[in-house]
Amino acid sequence: ITSGGFTNYAASVEGRFTISRDNTENTVSLRVNSLKPEETAVYYC
């Protein structure tokens, strides 16, 4: 996600994951829905 809020997703997560950011709180979040077992991983910011 860019500073202006433009987002880009891997094709495999499009429609299930949502990235967002709060420029006042200096945080970025990832909402993960319908997680698949094969998506077990370490997730890095």
PDB file of all heavy atoms in Angstrom:
ATOM      1  N   ILE A   1       0.851  -1.182   0.000  1.00  0.00           N
ATOM      2  CA  ILE A   1       0.000   0.000   0.000  1.00  0.00           C
ATOM      3  C   ILE A   1       0.892   1.238   0.000  1.00  0.00           C
ATOM      4  O   ILE A   1       1.838   1.336   0.778  1.00  0.00           O
ATOM      5  CB  ILE A   1      -0.976  -0.010   1.199  1.00  0.00           C
ATOM      6  CG1 ILE A   1      -1.936   1.177   1.128  1.00  0.00           C
ATOM      7  CG2 ILE A   1      -0.229  -0.058   2.526  1.00  0.00           C
ATOM      8  CD1 ILE A   1      -3.109   1.045   2.116  1.00  0.00           C
ATOM      9  N   THR A   2       0.592   2.162  -0.889  1.00  0.00           N
ATOM     10  CA  THR A   2       1.373   3.392  -0.964  1.00  0.00           C
ATOM     11  C   THR A   2       0.891   4.388   0.091  1.00  0.00           C
ATOM     12  O   THR A   2      -0.132   4.183   0.746  1.00  0.00           O
ATOM     13  CB  THR A   2       1.244   4.038  -2.346  1.00  0.00           C
ATOM     14  OG1 THR A   2      -0.117   4.495  -2.513  1.00  0.00           O
ATOM     15  CG2 THR A   2       1.579   3.054  -3.450  1.00  0.00           C
ATOM     16  N   SER A   3       1.618   5.465   0.197  1.00  0.00           N
ATOM     17  CA  SER A   3       1.245   6.479   1.179  1.00  0.00           C
ATOM     18  C   SER A   3      -0.127   7.061   0.885  1.00  0.00           C
ATOM     19  O   SER A   3      -0.844   7.471   1.798  1.00  0.00           O
ATOM     20  CB  SER A   3       2.284   7.596   1.206  1.00  0.00           C
ATOM     21  OG  SER A   3       2.400   8.195  -0.080  1.00  0.00           O
ATOM     22  N   GLY A   4      -0.500   7.065  -0.373  1.00  0.00           N
ATOM     23  CA  GLY A   4      -1.798   7.594  -0.756  1.00  0.00           C
ATOM     24  C   GLY A   4      -2.912   6.581  -0.733  1.00  0.00           C
ATOM     25  O   GLY A   4      -4.072   6.904  -1.048  1.00  0.00           O
ATOM     26  N   GLY A   5      -2.568   5.340  -0.364  1.00  0.00           N
ATOM     27  CA  GLY A   5      -3.605   4.322  -0.226  1.00  0.00           C
ATOM     28  C   GLY A   5      -3.797   3.423  -1.436  1.00  0.00           C
ATOM     29  O   GLY A   5      -4.726   2.606  -1.457  1.00  0.00           O
ATOM     30  N   PHE A   6      -2.939   3.542  -2.445  1.00  0.00           N
ATOM     31  CA  PHE A   6      -3.052   2.635  -3.586  1.00  0.00           C
ATOM     32  C   PHE A   6      -2.548   1.262  -3.174  1.00  0.00           C
ATOM     33  O   PHE A   6      -1.460   1.114  -2.640  1.00  0.00           O
ATOM     34  CB  PHE A   6      -2.244   3.162  -4.775  1.00  0.00           C
ATOM     35  CG  PHE A   6      -2.337   2.309  -5.990  1.00  0.00           C
ATOM     36  CD1 PHE A   6      -3.416   2.393  -6.848  1.00  0.00           C
ATOM     37  CD2 PHE A   6      -1.336   1.394  -6.273  1.00  0.00           C
ATOM     38  CE1 PHE A   6      -3.503   1.596  -7.977  1.00  0.00           C
ATOM     39  CE2 PHE A   6      -1.409   0.589  -7.403  1.00  0.00           C
ATOM     40  CZ  PHE A   6      -2.497   0.694  -8.244  1.00  0.00           C
ATOM     41  N   THR A   7      -3.336   0.226  -3.460  1.00  0.00           N
ATOM     42  CA  THR A   7      -3.003  -1.120  -3.005  1.00  0.00           C
ATOM     43  C   THR A   7      -2.669  -2.049  -4.171  1.00  0.00           C
ATOM     44  O   THR A   7      -3.137  -1.854  -5.299  1.00  0.00           O
ATOM     45  CB  THR A   7      -4.154  -1.733  -2.206  1.00  0.00           C
ATOM     46  OG1 THR A   7      -5.342  -1.739  -3.023  1.00  0.00           O
ATOM     47  CG2 THR A   7      -4.422  -0.936  -0.944  1.00  0.00           C
ATOM     48  N   ASN A   8      -1.883  -3.056  -3.846  1.00  0.00           N
ATOM     49  CA  ASN A   8      -1.527  -4.087  -4.808  1.00  0.00           C
ATOM     50  C   ASN A   8      -1.512  -5.412  -4.065  1.00  0.00           C
ATOM     51  O   ASN A   8      -0.984  -5.490  -2.945  1.00  0.00           O
ATOM     52  CB  ASN A   8      -0.146  -3.803  -5.412  1.00  0.00           C
ATOM     53  CG  ASN A   8       0.269  -4.863  -6.407  1.00  0.00           C
ATOM     54  OD1 ASN A   8      -0.417  -5.116  -7.381  1.00  0.00           O
ATOM     55  ND2 ASN A   8       1.409  -5.494  -6.151  1.00  0.00           N
ATOM     56  N   TYR A   9      -2.091  -6.450  -4.673  1.00  0.00           N
ATOM     57  CA  TYR A   9      -2.196  -7.751  -4.018  1.00  0.00           C
ATOM     58  C   TYR A   9      -1.632  -8.852  -4.908  1.00  0.00           C
ATOM     59  O   TYR A   9      -1.742  -8.795  -6.134  1.00  0.00           O
ATOM     60  CB  TYR A   9      -3.654  -8.091  -3.709  1.00  0.00           C
ATOM     61  CG  TYR A   9      -4.311  -7.192  -2.702  1.00  0.00           C
ATOM     62  CD1 TYR A   9      -5.040  -6.077  -3.116  1.00  0.00           C
ATOM     63  CD2 TYR A   9      -4.221  -7.458  -1.341  1.00  0.00           C
ATOM     64  CE1 TYR A   9      -5.649  -5.241  -2.190  1.00  0.00           C
ATOM     65  CE2 TYR A   9      -4.828  -6.640  -0.405  1.00  0.00           C
ATOM     66  CZ  TYR A   9      -5.536  -5.526  -0.845  1.00  0.00           C
ATOM     67  OH  TYR A   9      -6.141  -4.700   0.080  1.00  0.00           O
ATOM     68  N   ALA A  10      -1.092  -9.858  -4.270  1.00  0.00           N
ATOM     69  CA  ALA A  10      -0.790 -11.082  -4.991  1.00  0.00           C
ATOM     70  C   ALA A  10      -2.099 -11.683  -5.479  1.00  0.00           C
ATOM     71  O   ALA A  10      -3.128 -11.605  -4.795  1.00  0.00           O
ATOM     72  CB  ALA A  10      -0.072 -12.070  -4.079  1.00  0.00           C
ATOM     73  N   ALA A  11      -2.068 -12.276  -6.649  1.00  0.00           N
ATOM     74  CA  ALA A  11      -3.287 -12.820  -7.238  1.00  0.00           C
ATOM     75  C   ALA A  11      -3.940 -13.861  -6.324  1.00  0.00           C
ATOM     76  O   ALA A  11      -5.169 -13.969  -6.265  1.00  0.00           O
ATOM     77  CB  ALA A  11      -2.965 -13.439  -8.598  1.00  0.00           C
ATOM     78  N   SER A  12      -3.127 -14.591  -5.586  1.00  0.00           N
ATOM     79  CA  SER A  12      -3.646 -15.675  -4.754  1.00  0.00           C
ATOM     80  C   SER A  12      -4.447 -15.178  -3.549  1.00  0.00           C
ATOM     81  O   SER A  12      -5.221 -15.942  -2.967  1.00  0.00           O
ATOM     82  CB  SER A  12      -2.502 -16.563  -4.274  1.00  0.00           C
ATOM     83  OG  SER A  12      -1.589 -15.809  -3.496  1.00  0.00           O
ATOM     84  N   VAL A  13      -4.283 -13.922  -3.178  1.00  0.00           N
ATOM     85  CA  VAL A  13      -4.985 -13.407  -2.001  1.00  0.00           C
ATOM     86  C   VAL A  13      -6.026 -12.352  -2.352  1.00  0.00           C
ATOM     87  O   VAL A  13      -6.781 -11.909  -1.483  1.00  0.00           O
ATOM     88  CB  VAL A  13      -3.988 -12.814  -0.966  1.00  0.00           C
ATOM     89  CG1 VAL A  13      -2.916 -13.833  -0.630  1.00  0.00           C
ATOM     90  CG2 VAL A  13      -3.385 -11.508  -1.441  1.00  0.00           C
ATOM     91  N   GLU A  14      -6.054 -11.944  -3.613  1.00  0.00           N
ATOM     92  CA  GLU A  14      -6.992 -10.907  -4.046  1.00  0.00           C
ATOM     93  C   GLU A  14      -8.414 -11.295  -3.658  1.00  0.00           C
ATOM     94  O   GLU A  14      -8.863 -12.423  -3.908  1.00  0.00           O
ATOM     95  CB  GLU A  14      -6.899 -10.741  -5.566  1.00  0.00           C
ATOM     96  CG  GLU A  14      -7.725  -9.606  -6.127  1.00  0.00           C
ATOM     97  CD  GLU A  14      -6.985  -8.285  -6.121  1.00  0.00           C
ATOM     98  OE1 GLU A  14      -5.838  -8.241  -6.566  1.00  0.00           O
ATOM     99  OE2 GLU A  14      -7.580  -7.289  -5.664  1.00  0.00           O
ATOM    100  N   GLY A  15      -9.109 -10.369  -3.024  1.00  0.00           N
ATOM    101  CA  GLY A  15     -10.486 -10.616  -2.625  1.00  0.00           C
ATOM    102  C   GLY A  15     -10.646 -11.233  -1.248  1.00  0.00           C
ATOM    103  O   GLY A  15     -11.748 -11.246  -0.691  1.00  0.00           O
ATOM    104  N   ARG A  16      -9.549 -11.747  -0.679  1.00  0.00           N
ATOM    105  CA  ARG A  16      -9.630 -12.360   0.659  1.00  0.00           C
ATOM    106  C   ARG A  16      -8.838 -11.553   1.699  1.00  0.00           C
ATOM    107  O   ARG A  16      -9.192 -11.546   2.879  1.00  0.00           O
ATOM    108  CB  ARG A  16      -9.084 -13.787   0.632  1.00  0.00           C
ATOM    109  CG  ARG A  16      -9.894 -14.739  -0.232  1.00  0.00           C
ATOM    110  CD  ARG A  16      -9.380 -16.180  -0.096  1.00  0.00           C
ATOM    111  NE  ARG A  16      -8.014 -16.302  -0.595  1.00  0.00           N
ATOM    112  CZ  ARG A  16      -6.983 -16.693   0.158  1.00  0.00           C
ATOM    113  NH1 ARG A  16      -7.154 -16.978   1.452  1.00  0.00           N
ATOM    114  NH2 ARG A  16      -5.770 -16.799  -0.378  1.00  0.00           N
ATOM    115  N   PHE A  17      -7.767 -10.944   1.278  1.00  0.00           N
ATOM    116  CA  PHE A  17      -6.927 -10.161   2.182  1.00  0.00           C
ATOM    117  C   PHE A  17      -7.130  -8.680   1.895  1.00  0.00           C
ATOM    118  O   PHE A  17      -7.355  -8.288   0.743  1.00  0.00           O
ATOM    119  CB  PHE A  17      -5.443 -10.493   1.977  1.00  0.00           C
ATOM    120  CG  PHE A  17      -5.024 -11.877   2.410  1.00  0.00           C
ATOM    121  CD1 PHE A  17      -5.941 -12.879   2.670  1.00  0.00           C
ATOM    122  CD2 PHE A  17      -3.683 -12.172   2.553  1.00  0.00           C
ATOM    123  CE1 PHE A  17      -5.546 -14.149   3.061  1.00  0.00           C
ATOM    124  CE2 PHE A  17      -3.258 -13.431   2.949  1.00  0.00           C
ATOM    125  CZ  PHE A  17      -4.182 -14.423   3.193  1.00  0.00           C
ATOM    126  N   THR A  18      -7.022  -7.863   2.941  1.00  0.00           N
ATOM    127  CA  THR A  18      -7.143  -6.416   2.784  1.00  0.00           C
ATOM    128  C   THR A  18      -6.038  -5.721   3.564  1.00  0.00           C
ATOM    129  O   THR A  18      -5.917  -5.924   4.771  1.00  0.00           O
ATOM    130  CB  THR A  18      -8.504  -5.911   3.283  1.00  0.00           C
ATOM    131  OG1 THR A  18      -9.557  -6.582   2.580  1.00  0.00           O
ATOM    132  CG2 THR A  18      -8.633  -4.413   3.049  1.00  0.00           C
ATOM    133  N   ILE A  19      -5.259  -4.924   2.864  1.00  0.00           N
ATOM    134  CA  ILE A  19      -4.205  -4.146   3.518  1.00  0.00           C
ATOM    135  C   ILE A  19      -4.700  -2.729   3.734  1.00  0.00           C
ATOM    136  O   ILE A  19      -5.434  -2.169   2.902  1.00  0.00           O
ATOM    137  CB  ILE A  19      -2.906  -4.165   2.680  1.00  0.00           C
ATOM    138  CG1 ILE A  19      -1.741  -3.543   3.461  1.00  0.00           C
ATOM    139  CG2 ILE A  19      -3.099  -3.469   1.333  1.00  0.00           C
ATOM    140  CD1 ILE A  19      -0.382  -3.734   2.789  1.00  0.00           C
ATOM    141  N   SER A  20      -4.322  -2.146   4.869  1.00  0.00           N
ATOM    142  CA  SER A  20      -4.690  -0.771   5.162  1.00  0.00           C
ATOM    143  C   SER A  20      -3.583  -0.135   5.987  1.00  0.00           C
ATOM    144  O   SER A  20      -2.745  -0.830   6.561  1.00  0.00           O
ATOM    145  CB  SER A  20      -6.026  -0.725   5.914  1.00  0.00           C
ATOM    146  OG  SER A  20      -5.940  -1.428   7.138  1.00  0.00           O
ATOM    147  N   ARG A  21      -3.590   1.182   6.041  1.00  0.00           N
ATOM    148  CA  ARG A  21      -2.571   1.885   6.815  1.00  0.00           C
ATOM    149  C   ARG A  21      -3.177   3.092   7.496  1.00  0.00           C
ATOM    150  O   ARG A  21      -4.178   3.655   7.034  1.00  0.00           O
ATOM    151  CB  ARG A  21      -1.396   2.309   5.935  1.00  0.00           C
ATOM    152  CG  ARG A  21      -1.729   3.351   4.887  1.00  0.00           C
ATOM    153  CD  ARG A  21      -0.550   3.555   3.925  1.00  0.00           C
ATOM    154  NE  ARG A  21       0.590   4.211   4.582  1.00  0.00           N
ATOM    155  CZ  ARG A  21       1.829   4.195   4.080  1.00  0.00           C
ATOM    156  NH1 ARG A  21       2.088   3.565   2.950  1.00  0.00           N
ATOM    157  NH2 ARG A  21       2.807   4.827   4.723  1.00  0.00           N
ATOM    158  N   ASP A  22      -2.548   3.491   8.594  1.00  0.00           N
ATOM    159  CA  ASP A  22      -2.953   4.679   9.317  1.00  0.00           C
ATOM    160  C   ASP A  22      -1.708   5.553   9.450  1.00  0.00           C
ATOM    161  O   ASP A  22      -0.817   5.248  10.240  1.00  0.00           O
ATOM    162  CB  ASP A  22      -3.513   4.302  10.691  1.00  0.00           C
ATOM    163  CG  ASP A  22      -4.068   5.487  11.435  1.00  0.00           C
ATOM    164  OD1 ASP A  22      -3.605   6.628  11.218  1.00  0.00           O
ATOM    165  OD2 ASP A  22      -4.964   5.285  12.260  1.00  0.00           O
ATOM    166  N   ASN A  23      -1.651   6.610   8.667  1.00  0.00           N
ATOM    167  CA  ASN A  23      -0.472   7.461   8.652  1.00  0.00           C
ATOM    168  C   ASN A  23      -0.342   8.336   9.894  1.00  0.00           C
ATOM    169  O   ASN A  23       0.693   8.959  10.097  1.00  0.00           O
ATOM    170  CB  ASN A  23      -0.459   8.334   7.398  1.00  0.00           C
ATOM    171  CG  ASN A  23      -0.185   7.534   6.134  1.00  0.00           C
ATOM    172  OD1 ASN A  23       0.410   6.459   6.175  1.00  0.00           O
ATOM    173  ND2 ASN A  23      -0.649   8.044   5.001  1.00  0.00           N
ATOM    174  N   THR A  24      -1.385   8.397  10.698  1.00  0.00           N
ATOM    175  CA  THR A  24      -1.295   9.162  11.947  1.00  0.00           C
ATOM    176  C   THR A  24      -0.793   8.277  13.081  1.00  0.00           C
ATOM    177  O   THR A  24      -0.159   8.765  14.020  1.00  0.00           O
ATOM    178  CB  THR A  24      -2.648   9.763  12.322  1.00  0.00           C
ATOM    179  OG1 THR A  24      -3.590   8.720  12.539  1.00  0.00           O
ATOM    180  CG2 THR A  24      -3.150  10.684  11.216  1.00  0.00           C
ATOM    181  N   GLU A  25      -1.072   6.979  12.996  1.00  0.00           N
ATOM    182  CA  GLU A  25      -0.643   6.038  14.033  1.00  0.00           C
ATOM    183  C   GLU A  25       0.616   5.269  13.631  1.00  0.00           C
ATOM    184  O   GLU A  25       1.146   4.494  14.424  1.00  0.00           O
ATOM    185  CB  GLU A  25      -1.763   5.043  14.334  1.00  0.00           C
ATOM    186  CG  GLU A  25      -3.010   5.677  14.923  1.00  0.00           C
ATOM    187  CD  GLU A  25      -2.787   6.171  16.339  1.00  0.00           C
ATOM    188  OE1 GLU A  25      -1.913   5.626  17.057  1.00  0.00           O
ATOM    189  OE2 GLU A  25      -3.477   7.132  16.747  1.00  0.00           O
ATOM    190  N   ASN A  26       1.077   5.467  12.393  1.00  0.00           N
ATOM    191  CA  ASN A  26       2.254   4.755  11.874  1.00  0.00           C
ATOM    192  C   ASN A  26       2.078   3.234  11.936  1.00  0.00           C
ATOM    193  O   ASN A  26       2.966   2.497  12.379  1.00  0.00           O
ATOM    194  CB  ASN A  26       3.528   5.150  12.639  1.00  0.00           C
ATOM    195  CG  ASN A  26       3.972   6.565  12.341  1.00  0.00           C
ATOM    196  OD1 ASN A  26       3.322   7.295  11.584  1.00  0.00           O
ATOM    197  ND2 ASN A  26       5.079   6.979  12.940  1.00  0.00           N
ATOM    198  N   THR A  27       0.920   2.798  11.483  1.00  0.00           N
ATOM    199  CA  THR A  27       0.633   1.366  11.476  1.00  0.00           C
ATOM    200  C   THR A  27       0.121   0.918  10.115  1.00  0.00           C
ATOM    201  O   THR A  27      -0.489   1.691   9.372  1.00  0.00           O
ATOM    202  CB  THR A  27      -0.410   0.995  12.532  1.00  0.00           C
ATOM    203  OG1 THR A  27      -1.615   1.725  12.290  1.00  0.00           O
ATOM    204  CG2 THR A  27       0.088   1.293  13.942  1.00  0.00           C
ATOM    205  N   VAL A  28       0.392  -0.328   9.814  1.00  0.00           N
ATOM    206  CA  VAL A  28      -0.160  -0.973   8.631  1.00  0.00           C
ATOM    207  C   VAL A  28      -0.742  -2.305   9.084  1.00  0.00           C
ATOM    208  O   VAL A  28      -0.181  -2.979   9.942  1.00  0.00           O
ATOM    209  CB  VAL A  28       0.896  -1.161   7.527  1.00  0.00           C
ATOM    210  CG1 VAL A  28       2.072  -1.999   8.012  1.00  0.00           C
ATOM    211  CG2 VAL A  28       0.280  -1.761   6.278  1.00  0.00           C
ATOM    212  N   SER A  29      -1.890  -2.642   8.528  1.00  0.00           N
ATOM    213  CA  SER A  29      -2.593  -3.854   8.937  1.00  0.00           C
ATOM    214  C   SER A  29      -2.904  -4.719   7.732  1.00  0.00           C
ATOM    215  O   SER A  29      -2.956  -4.235   6.598  1.00  0.00           O
ATOM    216  CB  SER A  29      -3.894  -3.485   9.653  1.00  0.00           C
ATOM    217  OG  SER A  29      -3.631  -2.756  10.838  1.00  0.00           O
ATOM    218  N   LEU A  30      -3.118  -5.985   8.015  1.00  0.00           N
ATOM    219  CA  LEU A  30      -3.529  -6.936   6.986  1.00  0.00           C
ATOM    220  C   LEU A  30      -4.678  -7.756   7.540  1.00  0.00           C
ATOM    221  O   LEU A  30      -4.504  -8.509   8.500  1.00  0.00           O
ATOM    222  CB  LEU A  30      -2.372  -7.849   6.577  1.00  0.00           C
ATOM    223  CG  LEU A  30      -2.674  -8.803   5.425  1.00  0.00           C
ATOM    224  CD1 LEU A  30      -2.796  -8.034   4.108  1.00  0.00           C
ATOM    225  CD2 LEU A  30      -1.602  -9.885   5.317  1.00  0.00           C
ATOM    226  N   ARG A  31      -5.837  -7.596   6.954  1.00  0.00           N
ATOM    227  CA  ARG A  31      -6.975  -8.417   7.319  1.00  0.00           C
ATOM    228  C   ARG A  31      -6.935  -9.665   6.456  1.00  0.00           C
ATOM    229  O   ARG A  31      -6.941  -9.584   5.229  1.00  0.00           O
ATOM    230  CB  ARG A  31      -8.274  -7.653   7.085  1.00  0.00           C
ATOM    231  CG  ARG A  31      -9.531  -8.459   7.387  1.00  0.00           C
ATOM    232  CD  ARG A  31      -9.673  -8.731   8.868  1.00  0.00           C
ATOM    233  NE  ARG A  31     -10.874  -9.500   9.183  1.00  0.00           N
ATOM    234  CZ  ARG A  31     -11.196  -9.893  10.415  1.00  0.00           C
ATOM    235  NH1 ARG A  31     -10.428  -9.586  11.445  1.00  0.00           N
ATOM    236  NH2 ARG A  31     -12.312 -10.580  10.616  1.00  0.00           N
ATOM    237  N   VAL A  32      -6.922 -10.810   7.118  1.00  0.00           N
ATOM    238  CA  VAL A  32      -6.818 -12.089   6.429  1.00  0.00           C
ATOM    239  C   VAL A  32      -8.129 -12.825   6.600  1.00  0.00           C
ATOM    240  O   VAL A  32      -8.507 -13.162   7.726  1.00  0.00           O
ATOM    241  CB  VAL A  32      -5.650 -12.922   7.008  1.00  0.00           C
ATOM    242  CG1 VAL A  32      -5.625 -14.306   6.377  1.00  0.00           C
ATOM    243  CG2 VAL A  32      -4.329 -12.191   6.812  1.00  0.00           C
ATOM    244  N   ASN A  33      -8.824 -13.078   5.524  1.00  0.00           N
ATOM    245  CA  ASN A  33     -10.067 -13.846   5.546  1.00  0.00           C
ATOM    246  C   ASN A  33      -9.901 -15.153   4.783  1.00  0.00           C
ATOM    247  O   ASN A  33      -9.127 -15.232   3.835  1.00  0.00           O
ATOM    248  CB  ASN A  33     -11.212 -13.035   4.920  1.00  0.00           C
ATOM    249  CG  ASN A  33     -11.618 -11.850   5.762  1.00  0.00           C
ATOM    250  OD1 ASN A  33     -11.555 -11.879   6.983  1.00  0.00           O
ATOM    251  ND2 ASN A  33     -12.034 -10.778   5.100  1.00  0.00           N
ATOM    252  N   SER A  34     -10.659 -16.141   5.187  1.00  0.00           N
ATOM    253  CA  SER A  34     -10.670 -17.437   4.494  1.00  0.00           C
ATOM    254  C   SER A  34      -9.258 -17.979   4.297  1.00  0.00           C
ATOM    255  O   SER A  34      -8.874 -18.378   3.187  1.00  0.00           O
ATOM    256  CB  SER A  34     -11.371 -17.299   3.138  1.00  0.00           C
ATOM    257  OG  SER A  34     -12.692 -16.819   3.302  1.00  0.00           O
ATOM    258  N   LEU A  35      -8.495 -18.017   5.352  1.00  0.00           N
ATOM    259  CA  LEU A  35      -7.121 -18.490   5.270  1.00  0.00           C
ATOM    260  C   LEU A  35      -7.089 -19.959   4.863  1.00  0.00           C
ATOM    261  O   LEU A  35      -7.864 -20.773   5.363  1.00  0.00           O
ATOM    262  CB  LEU A  35      -6.424 -18.298   6.606  1.00  0.00           C
ATOM    263  CG  LEU A  35      -4.935 -18.608   6.616  1.00  0.00           C
ATOM    264  CD1 LEU A  35      -4.154 -17.476   5.959  1.00  0.00           C
ATOM    265  CD2 LEU A  35      -4.439 -18.839   8.035  1.00  0.00           C
ATOM    266  N   LYS A  36      -6.187 -20.285   3.964  1.00  0.00           N
ATOM    267  CA  LYS A  36      -6.014 -21.658   3.518  1.00  0.00           C
ATOM    268  C   LYS A  36      -4.852 -22.302   4.279  1.00  0.00           C
ATOM    269  O   LYS A  36      -3.877 -21.626   4.622  1.00  0.00           O
ATOM    270  CB  LYS A  36      -5.715 -21.677   2.018  1.00  0.00           C
ATOM    271  CG  LYS A  36      -6.792 -21.008   1.177  1.00  0.00           C
ATOM    272  CD  LYS A  36      -6.401 -20.957  -0.283  1.00  0.00           C
ATOM    273  CE  LYS A  36      -7.465 -20.245  -1.104  1.00  0.00           C
ATOM    274  NZ  LYS A  36      -7.080 -20.149  -2.532  1.00  0.00           N
ATOM    275  N   PRO A  37      -4.923 -23.607   4.515  1.00  0.00           N
ATOM    276  CA  PRO A  37      -3.831 -24.257   5.256  1.00  0.00           C
ATOM    277  C   PRO A  37      -2.466 -24.047   4.614  1.00  0.00           C
ATOM    278  O   PRO A  37      -1.464 -23.911   5.326  1.00  0.00           O
ATOM    279  CB  PRO A  37      -4.236 -25.734   5.220  1.00  0.00           C
ATOM    280  CG  PRO A  37      -5.718 -25.718   5.102  1.00  0.00           C
ATOM    281  CD  PRO A  37      -6.037 -24.524   4.234  1.00  0.00           C
ATOM    282  N   GLU A  38      -2.433 -23.998   3.284  1.00  0.00           N
ATOM    283  CA  GLU A  38      -1.150 -23.821   2.599  1.00  0.00           C
ATOM    284  C   GLU A  38      -0.590 -22.408   2.746  1.00  0.00           C
ATOM    285  O   GLU A  38       0.527 -22.127   2.281  1.00  0.00           O
ATOM    286  CB  GLU A  38      -1.272 -24.171   1.113  1.00  0.00           C
ATOM    287  CG  GLU A  38      -2.300 -23.357   0.342  1.00  0.00           C
ATOM    288  CD  GLU A  38      -3.667 -24.018   0.295  1.00  0.00           C
ATOM    289  OE1 GLU A  38      -4.031 -24.742   1.245  1.00  0.00           O
ATOM    290  OE2 GLU A  38      -4.372 -23.809  -0.721  1.00  0.00           O
ATOM    291  N   GLU A  39      -1.359 -21.528   3.363  1.00  0.00           N
ATOM    292  CA  GLU A  39      -0.871 -20.170   3.596  1.00  0.00           C
ATOM    293  C   GLU A  39      -0.201 -20.030   4.967  1.00  0.00           C
ATOM    294  O   GLU A  39       0.106 -18.924   5.405  1.00  0.00           O
ATOM    295  CB  GLU A  39      -2.011 -19.173   3.434  1.00  0.00           C
ATOM    296  CG  GLU A  39      -2.504 -19.113   1.990  1.00  0.00           C
ATOM    297  CD  GLU A  39      -3.650 -18.152   1.779  1.00  0.00           C
ATOM    298  OE1 GLU A  39      -4.600 -18.184   2.580  1.00  0.00           O
ATOM    299  OE2 GLU A  39      -3.601 -17.388   0.791  1.00  0.00           O
ATOM    300  N   THR A  40       0.013 -21.160   5.609  1.00  0.00           N
ATOM    301  CA  THR A  40       0.820 -21.166   6.819  1.00  0.00           C
ATOM    302  C   THR A  40       2.205 -20.638   6.492  1.00  0.00           C
ATOM    303  O   THR A  40       2.870 -21.125   5.575  1.00  0.00           O
ATOM    304  CB  THR A  40       0.919 -22.587   7.381  1.00  0.00           C
ATOM    305  OG1 THR A  40      -0.369 -22.982   7.856  1.00  0.00           O
ATOM    306  CG2 THR A  40       1.929 -22.665   8.503  1.00  0.00           C
ATOM    307  N   ALA A  41       2.623 -19.599   7.226  1.00  0.00           N
ATOM    308  CA  ALA A  41       3.899 -18.962   6.924  1.00  0.00           C
ATOM    309  C   ALA A  41       4.228 -17.955   8.014  1.00  0.00           C
ATOM    310  O   ALA A  41       3.369 -17.636   8.854  1.00  0.00           O
ATOM    311  CB  ALA A  41       3.831 -18.230   5.570  1.00  0.00           C
ATOM    312  N   VAL A  42       5.441 -17.459   7.971  1.00  0.00           N
ATOM    313  CA  VAL A  42       5.788 -16.285   8.756  1.00  0.00           C
ATOM    314  C   VAL A  42       5.479 -15.072   7.897  1.00  0.00           C
ATOM    315  O   VAL A  42       5.923 -14.991   6.747  1.00  0.00           O
ATOM    316  CB  VAL A  42       7.274 -16.283   9.169  1.00  0.00           C
ATOM    317  CG1 VAL A  42       7.602 -15.011   9.944  1.00  0.00           C
ATOM    318  CG2 VAL A  42       7.591 -17.519   9.998  1.00  0.00           C
ATOM    319  N   TYR A  43       4.687 -14.165   8.446  1.00  0.00           N
ATOM    320  CA  TYR A  43       4.285 -12.973   7.720  1.00  0.00           C
ATOM    321  C   TYR A  43       5.142 -11.799   8.202  1.00  0.00           C
ATOM    322  O   TYR A  43       5.237 -11.543   9.410  1.00  0.00           O
ATOM    323  CB  TYR A  43       2.801 -12.698   7.939  1.00  0.00           C
ATOM    324  CG  TYR A  43       1.916 -13.618   7.125  1.00  0.00           C
ATOM    325  CD1 TYR A  43       1.846 -14.991   7.398  1.00  0.00           C
ATOM    326  CD2 TYR A  43       1.166 -13.126   6.055  1.00  0.00           C
ATOM    327  CE1 TYR A  43       1.057 -15.841   6.630  1.00  0.00           C
ATOM    328  CE2 TYR A  43       0.361 -13.967   5.292  1.00  0.00           C
ATOM    329  CZ  TYR A  43       0.325 -15.317   5.586  1.00  0.00           C
ATOM    330  OH  TYR A  43      -0.464 -16.162   4.825  1.00  0.00           O
ATOM    331  N   TYR A  44       5.726 -11.096   7.234  1.00  0.00           N
ATOM    332  CA  TYR A  44       6.655 -10.009   7.525  1.00  0.00           C
ATOM    333  C   TYR A  44       6.118  -8.662   7.055  1.00  0.00           C
ATOM    334  O   TYR A  44       5.560  -8.552   5.957  1.00  0.00           O
ATOM    335  CB  TYR A  44       7.994 -10.241   6.824  1.00  0.00           C
ATOM    336  CG  TYR A  44       8.762 -11.440   7.293  1.00  0.00           C
ATOM    337  CD1 TYR A  44       8.595 -12.676   6.672  1.00  0.00           C
ATOM    338  CD2 TYR A  44       9.671 -11.348   8.346  1.00  0.00           C
ATOM    339  CE1 TYR A  44       9.310 -13.788   7.091  1.00  0.00           C
ATOM    340  CE2 TYR A  44      10.391 -12.452   8.771  1.00  0.00           C
ATOM    341  CZ  TYR A  44      10.207 -13.661   8.141  1.00  0.00           C
ATOM    342  OH  TYR A  44      10.917 -14.765   8.565  1.00  0.00           O
ATOM    343  N   CYS A  45       6.335  -7.669   7.864  1.00  0.00           N
ATOM    344  CA  CYS A  45       6.041  -6.286   7.506  1.00  0.00           C
ATOM    345  C   CYS A  45       7.268  -5.692   6.816  1.00  0.00           C
ATOM    346  O   CYS A  45       8.410  -5.981   7.193  1.00  0.00           O
ATOM    347  CB  CYS A  45       5.712  -5.504   8.774  1.00  0.00           C
ATOM    348  SG  CYS A  45       5.347  -3.763   8.560  1.00  0.00           S
TER     349      CYS A  45
END
